[in-house]
Amino acid sequence: MVKLSVIVPFYNVQTYAPDTLRSLAANARDDFEFLLVDDCSRDGTPQILERAERELPGARLLRHEQNGGLATARNTGLDAARGEYITFLDGDDWLAPGYYQELLAAIEELGCDFVRTDHVQCTARARSVHRVPYGRRNVVLDPRELILPADRSTSVDYAFAWAGMYHRRLLDDGVLHFRHGLRTAEDRPWIWRLHREAESMAVLGMLGVFYRRGVASSLTQIGDVRQLDFIRAFDQVIDETAKDRDAAVLLPKAVRTYCAIISHHLGSIDRFEPQVARKLRSMSAAALKRMPQDVLKEALDSMDVQRASRLRRLRRKPVPAEVAA
């Protein structure tokens, strides 16, 4: 029986993939499988993964004929996973030796649906520890309790799928799949659904994932139209949360977070191509009009003056019919 399935999408990461694969080898165990998903790479990544399939214990290579993005690649891995537990890693990040064995032992001892972990962010030569924004560690919790408060960073804002481990029952219940085709912010509806639908979780004070930040090919560094998928992602968060039994309590958090992300992108709009910048403004204005207006008003009233003013101006902007639809 496979104990742990590790899903690792790769796309044009020939520079970093060897480090990632070496770290997987330092985490291998007879009952672990590594699902290496090649998302139609066009550099030397496919050859690196072909060699890894032969040499890395437990490796299985899954290929995409067309590039589908991170969400779709993770879903390919989820569909093939056989493990009792599931986790993720990105193809340009790496792990401390023996980390997965320790993490697996911790989640089995706690007996909860999923665990969340801290991580080390690596930018050039600098490294910094980033922690799950919740203080209690190594105790079983109700995931819903970690969504709020609305005006602070909480566990749903720490959306990294690879910062944790998940029991297979979540996969079988349809909780772990990502929205197909999302090119960015794919973790956001995913983490919200996880916290709304899972029954138990724990936050662990463990470090073992090294997250490579600022990679030139990373989508977060590119100001093209794919970045606008954050709107589809947060529309999903709002729509699903509005149907939740605790919608009245949870929606203010979802709306406020959506507003903060829109404001963030508007504040750095110069990095977008001109036509994408125009589309960002019109799509964001339409998004504000779709939100529950009473909840939006409260969210804007609670934000700092600069961000609130920027969003109020945008809210008044006329929206072309094709964008509003």
Protein backbone atom coordinates (compact mmCIF):
# COMPACT_ATOMS: atom_id res chain seq x y z
CA MET A 1 0.00 0.00 0.00
CA VAL A 2 1.20 3.52 -0.83
CA LYS A 3 1.38 5.62 2.31
CA LEU A 4 2.13 9.01 0.79
CA SER A 5 1.61 10.50 -2.67
CA VAL A 6 3.73 13.58 -3.46
CA ILE A 7 2.44 15.59 -6.44
CA VAL A 8 5.10 17.69 -8.16
CA PRO A 9 4.22 19.72 -11.30
CA PHE A 10 7.11 20.85 -13.52
CA TYR A 11 7.07 23.44 -16.30
CA ASN A 12 10.26 24.80 -17.88
CA VAL A 13 12.33 24.50 -14.70
CA GLN A 14 15.43 22.75 -16.02
CA THR A 15 17.65 25.01 -13.87
CA TYR A 16 15.92 24.06 -10.62
CA ALA A 17 14.47 20.58 -11.20
CA PRO A 18 17.70 18.72 -10.28
CA ASP A 19 17.68 20.31 -6.80
CA THR A 20 14.00 19.44 -6.38
CA LEU A 21 14.56 15.83 -7.42
CA ARG A 22 17.61 15.40 -5.20
CA SER A 23 15.55 16.59 -2.24
CA LEU A 24 12.81 14.08 -3.12
CA ALA A 25 15.43 11.32 -3.18
CA ALA A 26 16.45 12.39 0.34
CA ASN A 27 12.79 11.89 1.36
CA ALA A 28 12.14 8.59 -0.41
CA ARG A 29 10.65 5.59 1.39
CA ASP A 30 9.45 2.25 0.06
CA ASP A 31 5.79 3.23 0.54
CA PHE A 32 6.08 6.78 -0.90
CA GLU A 33 5.28 7.67 -4.51
CA PHE A 34 6.40 10.79 -6.35
CA LEU A 35 4.05 11.87 -9.15
CA LEU A 36 6.13 14.01 -11.48
CA VAL A 37 3.76 15.94 -13.75
CA ASP A 38 5.41 17.45 -16.85
CA ASP A 39 3.08 20.27 -17.90
CA CYS A 40 4.30 20.24 -21.52
CA SER A 41 7.71 21.76 -20.78
CA ARG A 42 9.64 23.10 -23.77
CA ASP A 43 13.14 23.23 -22.29
CA GLY A 44 15.30 20.40 -20.93
CA THR A 45 12.86 19.51 -18.13
CA PRO A 46 11.31 16.43 -19.87
CA GLN A 47 14.70 14.75 -20.23
CA ILE A 48 15.51 15.44 -16.57
CA LEU A 49 12.19 13.88 -15.53
CA GLU A 50 12.68 10.83 -17.77
CA ARG A 51 15.95 10.14 -15.98
CA ALA A 52 14.30 10.73 -12.60
CA GLU A 53 11.58 8.19 -13.39
CA ARG A 54 14.33 5.58 -13.80
CA GLU A 55 16.49 6.62 -10.86
CA LEU A 56 14.22 8.10 -8.16
CA PRO A 57 12.55 5.40 -6.02
CA GLY A 58 8.77 5.64 -6.26
CA ALA A 59 8.77 8.11 -9.18
CA ARG A 60 6.00 8.04 -11.81
CA LEU A 61 6.15 10.44 -14.76
CA LEU A 62 2.83 11.89 -15.97
CA ARG A 63 2.85 13.98 -19.17
CA HIS A 64 0.56 16.71 -20.48
CA GLU A 65 0.20 17.07 -24.25
CA GLN A 66 -0.77 20.72 -23.74
CA ASN A 67 0.22 23.17 -21.03
CA GLY A 68 -2.64 23.43 -18.55
CA GLY A 69 -1.18 25.45 -15.69
CA LEU A 70 -0.47 24.58 -12.09
CA ALA A 71 -4.07 23.83 -11.05
CA THR A 72 -4.59 21.38 -13.90
CA ALA A 73 -1.20 19.74 -13.33
CA ARG A 74 -1.98 19.20 -9.65
CA ASN A 75 -5.34 17.68 -10.61
CA THR A 76 -3.55 15.23 -12.91
CA GLY A 77 -1.48 14.15 -9.93
CA LEU A 78 -4.52 13.89 -7.66
CA ASP A 79 -6.31 11.68 -10.21
CA ALA A 80 -3.33 9.30 -10.24
CA ALA A 81 -2.56 9.36 -6.50
CA ARG A 82 -2.77 6.06 -4.61
CA GLY A 83 -1.53 7.19 -1.21
CA GLU A 84 -3.32 7.25 2.11
CA TYR A 85 -1.94 10.78 2.49
CA ILE A 86 -1.34 13.49 -0.13
CA THR A 87 1.04 16.42 -0.34
CA PHE A 88 2.38 18.81 -2.98
CA LEU A 89 5.67 20.36 -4.00
CA ASP A 90 6.42 22.80 -6.82
CA GLY A 91 9.04 21.86 -9.39
CA ASP A 92 11.41 24.70 -8.47
CA ASP A 93 11.31 24.26 -4.66
CA TRP A 94 13.05 21.74 -2.43
CA LEU A 95 12.85 19.86 0.88
CA ALA A 96 14.96 19.17 3.93
CA PRO A 97 16.11 15.51 4.13
CA GLY A 98 13.64 13.27 5.95
CA TYR A 99 11.01 16.01 6.18
CA TYR A 100 8.10 13.99 4.79
CA GLN A 101 8.67 11.12 7.20
CA GLU A 102 8.49 13.52 10.16
CA LEU A 103 5.42 15.25 8.76
CA LEU A 104 3.66 11.96 8.12
CA ALA A 105 4.39 10.76 11.66
CA ALA A 106 2.93 14.00 13.05
CA ILE A 107 -0.36 13.86 11.10
CA GLU A 108 -0.82 10.18 11.91
CA GLU A 109 -0.31 10.82 15.61
CA LEU A 110 -2.83 13.70 15.60
CA GLY A 111 -5.36 11.77 13.47
CA CYS A 112 -6.74 14.91 11.79
CA ASP A 113 -7.85 15.59 8.20
CA PHE A 114 -4.91 17.86 7.39
CA VAL A 115 -1.96 19.72 8.83
CA ARG A 116 -0.41 23.05 7.87
CA THR A 117 3.27 23.91 8.26
CA ASP A 118 5.64 26.86 8.24
CA HIS A 119 8.17 27.23 5.41
CA VAL A 120 11.43 28.90 4.44
CA GLN A 121 11.25 31.52 1.69
CA CYS A 122 14.37 31.83 -0.44
CA THR A 123 15.03 34.96 -2.50
CA ALA A 124 18.45 35.08 -4.15
CA ARG A 125 20.80 34.50 -1.19
CA ALA A 126 18.34 35.58 1.52
CA ARG A 127 16.23 33.15 3.54
CA SER A 128 13.36 33.96 5.88
CA VAL A 129 10.91 31.87 7.87
CA HIS A 130 7.21 32.35 7.08
CA ARG A 131 4.77 30.97 9.60
CA VAL A 132 1.15 29.89 9.48
CA PRO A 133 -0.71 32.89 10.98
CA TYR A 134 -2.06 31.00 13.97
CA GLY A 135 -0.39 30.60 17.34
CA ARG A 136 -1.53 27.23 18.74
CA ARG A 137 0.61 24.37 17.50
CA ASN A 138 0.33 20.58 17.56
CA VAL A 139 -3.31 20.49 18.71
CA VAL A 140 -6.37 19.38 16.72
CA LEU A 141 -8.60 22.30 15.70
CA ASP A 142 -11.81 23.03 13.84
CA PRO A 143 -10.68 24.47 10.47
CA ARG A 144 -13.60 26.94 10.41
CA GLU A 145 -12.25 28.63 13.51
CA LEU A 146 -9.09 29.64 11.62
CA ILE A 147 -10.87 31.56 8.84
CA LEU A 148 -11.61 34.65 10.95
CA PRO A 149 -11.17 37.44 12.02
CA ALA A 150 -11.90 39.39 8.87
CA ASP A 151 -9.47 42.22 9.53
CA ARG A 152 -6.37 40.09 10.17
CA SER A 153 -4.22 37.65 8.24
CA THR A 154 -5.49 34.14 8.97
CA SER A 155 -4.92 30.59 7.83
CA VAL A 156 -6.94 31.05 4.60
CA ASP A 157 -4.50 33.81 3.61
CA TYR A 158 -1.62 31.34 3.96
CA ALA A 159 -2.78 29.46 0.90
CA PHE A 160 0.29 27.44 -0.15
CA ALA A 161 -0.89 23.90 -0.99
CA TRP A 162 2.62 22.50 -0.44
CA ALA A 163 2.71 23.80 3.15
CA GLY A 164 0.89 20.79 4.59
CA MET A 165 -0.27 17.20 4.28
CA TYR A 166 -3.80 15.90 3.66
CA HIS A 167 -5.63 12.64 4.38
CA ARG A 168 -7.00 10.78 1.40
CA ARG A 169 -10.56 11.07 2.68
CA LEU A 170 -10.44 14.73 1.62
CA LEU A 171 -9.56 13.62 -1.91
CA ASP A 172 -12.32 11.02 -1.93
CA ASP A 173 -14.80 13.66 -0.72
CA GLY A 174 -13.87 16.03 -3.58
CA VAL A 175 -12.20 18.65 -1.40
CA LEU A 176 -8.62 18.53 -2.73
CA HIS A 177 -9.07 19.19 -6.45
CA PHE A 178 -8.31 22.62 -7.90
CA ARG A 179 -10.39 24.63 -10.34
CA HIS A 180 -9.29 23.43 -13.76
CA GLY A 181 -7.40 25.97 -15.85
CA LEU A 182 -6.70 28.62 -13.21
CA ARG A 183 -3.31 30.15 -14.03
CA THR A 184 -2.86 32.09 -10.80
CA ALA A 185 -4.44 32.25 -7.31
CA GLU A 186 -5.42 28.59 -7.73
CA ASP A 187 -4.71 28.00 -4.04
CA ARG A 188 -7.29 30.57 -2.88
CA PRO A 189 -10.62 28.80 -3.57
CA TRP A 190 -8.86 25.57 -2.64
CA ILE A 191 -7.80 26.73 0.85
CA TRP A 192 -11.20 28.26 1.56
CA ARG A 193 -12.99 25.04 0.61
CA LEU A 194 -10.52 23.05 2.72
CA HIS A 195 -11.27 25.16 5.79
CA ARG A 196 -15.03 25.11 5.23
CA GLU A 197 -15.44 21.39 4.48
CA ALA A 198 -12.75 19.50 6.41
CA GLU A 199 -13.58 18.51 9.98
CA SER A 200 -10.21 18.71 11.70
CA MET A 201 -6.73 20.16 11.26
CA ALA A 202 -3.59 21.10 13.12
CA VAL A 203 -0.82 23.65 12.69
CA LEU A 204 2.67 22.23 13.13
CA GLY A 205 5.84 24.06 14.10
CA MET A 206 7.91 22.22 11.49
CA LEU A 207 10.21 23.59 8.80
CA GLY A 208 11.13 21.52 5.76
CA VAL A 209 9.89 23.19 2.58
CA PHE A 210 12.18 25.73 0.88
CA TYR A 211 10.11 28.01 -1.36
CA ARG A 212 12.01 29.68 -4.17
CA ARG A 213 10.63 33.21 -4.53
CA GLY A 214 11.26 35.61 -7.41
CA VAL A 215 12.04 33.07 -10.13
CA ALA A 216 12.00 34.98 -13.43
CA SER A 217 9.69 32.47 -15.13
CA SER A 218 7.21 32.46 -12.23
CA LEU A 219 3.79 33.74 -13.21
CA THR A 220 3.77 36.10 -10.23
CA GLN A 221 6.69 37.93 -11.90
CA ILE A 222 4.94 38.32 -15.27
CA GLY A 223 2.36 41.05 -15.90
CA ASP A 224 0.37 39.34 -18.61
CA VAL A 225 -3.31 38.41 -18.94
CA ARG A 226 -2.92 35.16 -17.01
CA GLN A 227 -2.51 37.20 -13.83
CA LEU A 228 -6.16 38.23 -14.13
CA ASP A 229 -7.25 34.71 -13.22
CA PHE A 230 -7.19 35.95 -9.61
CA ILE A 231 -10.63 37.42 -10.39
CA ARG A 232 -12.06 34.03 -11.39
CA ALA A 233 -10.44 32.52 -8.31
CA PHE A 234 -11.92 35.03 -5.87
CA ASP A 235 -15.30 35.03 -7.60
CA GLN A 236 -15.35 31.33 -6.76
CA VAL A 237 -14.45 32.06 -3.13
CA ILE A 238 -17.31 34.55 -2.87
CA ASP A 239 -19.85 32.32 -4.64
CA GLU A 240 -19.08 29.23 -2.57
CA THR A 241 -18.85 31.11 0.72
CA ALA A 242 -22.21 32.78 0.04
CA LYS A 243 -23.79 29.32 -0.02
CA ASP A 244 -22.17 28.25 3.25
CA ARG A 245 -24.23 27.78 6.40
CA ASP A 246 -22.10 30.49 8.06
CA ALA A 247 -22.18 32.86 5.10
CA ALA A 248 -23.16 35.89 7.18
CA VAL A 249 -20.08 35.43 9.36
CA LEU A 250 -17.58 34.38 6.69
CA LEU A 251 -18.45 36.65 3.76
CA PRO A 252 -16.93 39.81 5.31
CA LYS A 253 -13.55 38.04 5.40
CA ALA A 254 -13.88 36.81 1.80
CA VAL A 255 -14.95 40.21 0.48
CA ARG A 256 -12.28 42.12 2.40
CA THR A 257 -9.56 39.78 1.14
CA TYR A 258 -10.80 40.10 -2.45
CA CYS A 259 -10.74 43.88 -2.12
CA ALA A 260 -7.21 43.81 -0.72
CA ILE A 261 -5.98 41.70 -3.66
CA ILE A 262 -7.65 44.01 -6.21
CA SER A 263 -6.06 47.02 -4.50
CA HIS A 264 -2.67 45.30 -4.50
CA HIS A 265 -2.79 44.69 -8.25
CA LEU A 266 -3.99 48.23 -8.95
CA GLY A 267 -1.14 49.57 -6.84
CA SER A 268 1.40 47.82 -9.06
CA ILE A 269 -0.48 48.25 -12.34
CA ASP A 270 2.59 49.62 -14.16
CA ARG A 271 4.05 46.12 -14.36
CA PHE A 272 1.17 44.98 -16.57
CA GLU A 273 1.09 45.30 -20.34
CA PRO A 274 -1.10 48.34 -21.24
CA GLN A 275 -4.03 46.35 -22.64
CA VAL A 276 -3.91 44.03 -19.62
CA ALA A 277 -3.90 47.04 -17.27
CA ARG A 278 -7.06 48.33 -18.93
CA LYS A 279 -8.65 44.92 -18.63
CA LEU A 280 -7.60 44.71 -14.98
CA ARG A 281 -9.40 47.97 -14.20
CA SER A 282 -12.63 47.03 -15.99
CA MET A 283 -12.72 43.45 -14.66
CA SER A 284 -12.02 44.67 -11.12
CA ALA A 285 -14.79 47.24 -11.37
CA ALA A 286 -17.19 44.52 -12.51
CA ALA A 287 -16.05 42.30 -9.65
CA LEU A 288 -16.82 45.02 -7.10
CA LYS A 289 -20.32 45.37 -8.53
CA ARG A 290 -20.87 41.58 -8.23
CA MET A 291 -19.97 41.45 -4.56
CA PRO A 292 -22.71 41.63 -1.91
CA GLN A 293 -23.00 45.41 -1.72
CA ASP A 294 -23.81 45.67 1.98
CA VAL A 295 -20.81 43.50 2.85
CA LEU A 296 -18.62 45.46 0.43
CA LYS A 297 -19.61 48.77 2.03
CA GLU A 298 -18.62 47.47 5.47
CA ALA A 299 -15.33 46.16 4.10
CA LEU A 300 -14.46 49.49 2.47
CA ASP A 301 -15.42 51.41 5.61
CA SER A 302 -12.99 49.27 7.62
CA MET A 303 -10.00 49.67 5.25
CA ASP A 304 -7.35 52.39 5.27
CA VAL A 305 -8.24 55.59 3.44
CA GLN A 306 -5.90 55.11 0.47
CA ARG A 307 -7.08 51.61 -0.42
CA ALA A 308 -10.74 52.38 0.26
CA SER A 309 -10.65 55.51 -1.90
CA ARG A 310 -9.00 53.67 -4.78
CA LEU A 311 -11.67 50.95 -4.67
CA ARG A 312 -14.59 53.38 -4.30
CA ARG A 313 -13.42 55.25 -7.41
CA LEU A 314 -13.17 51.98 -9.28
CA ARG A 315 -16.60 50.91 -8.07
CA ARG A 316 -18.12 53.99 -9.74
CA LYS A 317 -16.41 53.23 -13.05
CA PRO A 318 -18.79 52.21 -15.91
CA VAL A 319 -18.25 48.62 -16.97
CA PRO A 320 -18.56 47.47 -20.60
CA ALA A 321 -21.40 45.00 -21.08
CA GLU A 322 -19.10 42.21 -22.24
CA VAL A 323 -16.95 42.56 -19.08
CA ALA A 324 -19.95 42.79 -16.74
CA ALA A 325 -21.28 39.55 -18.20
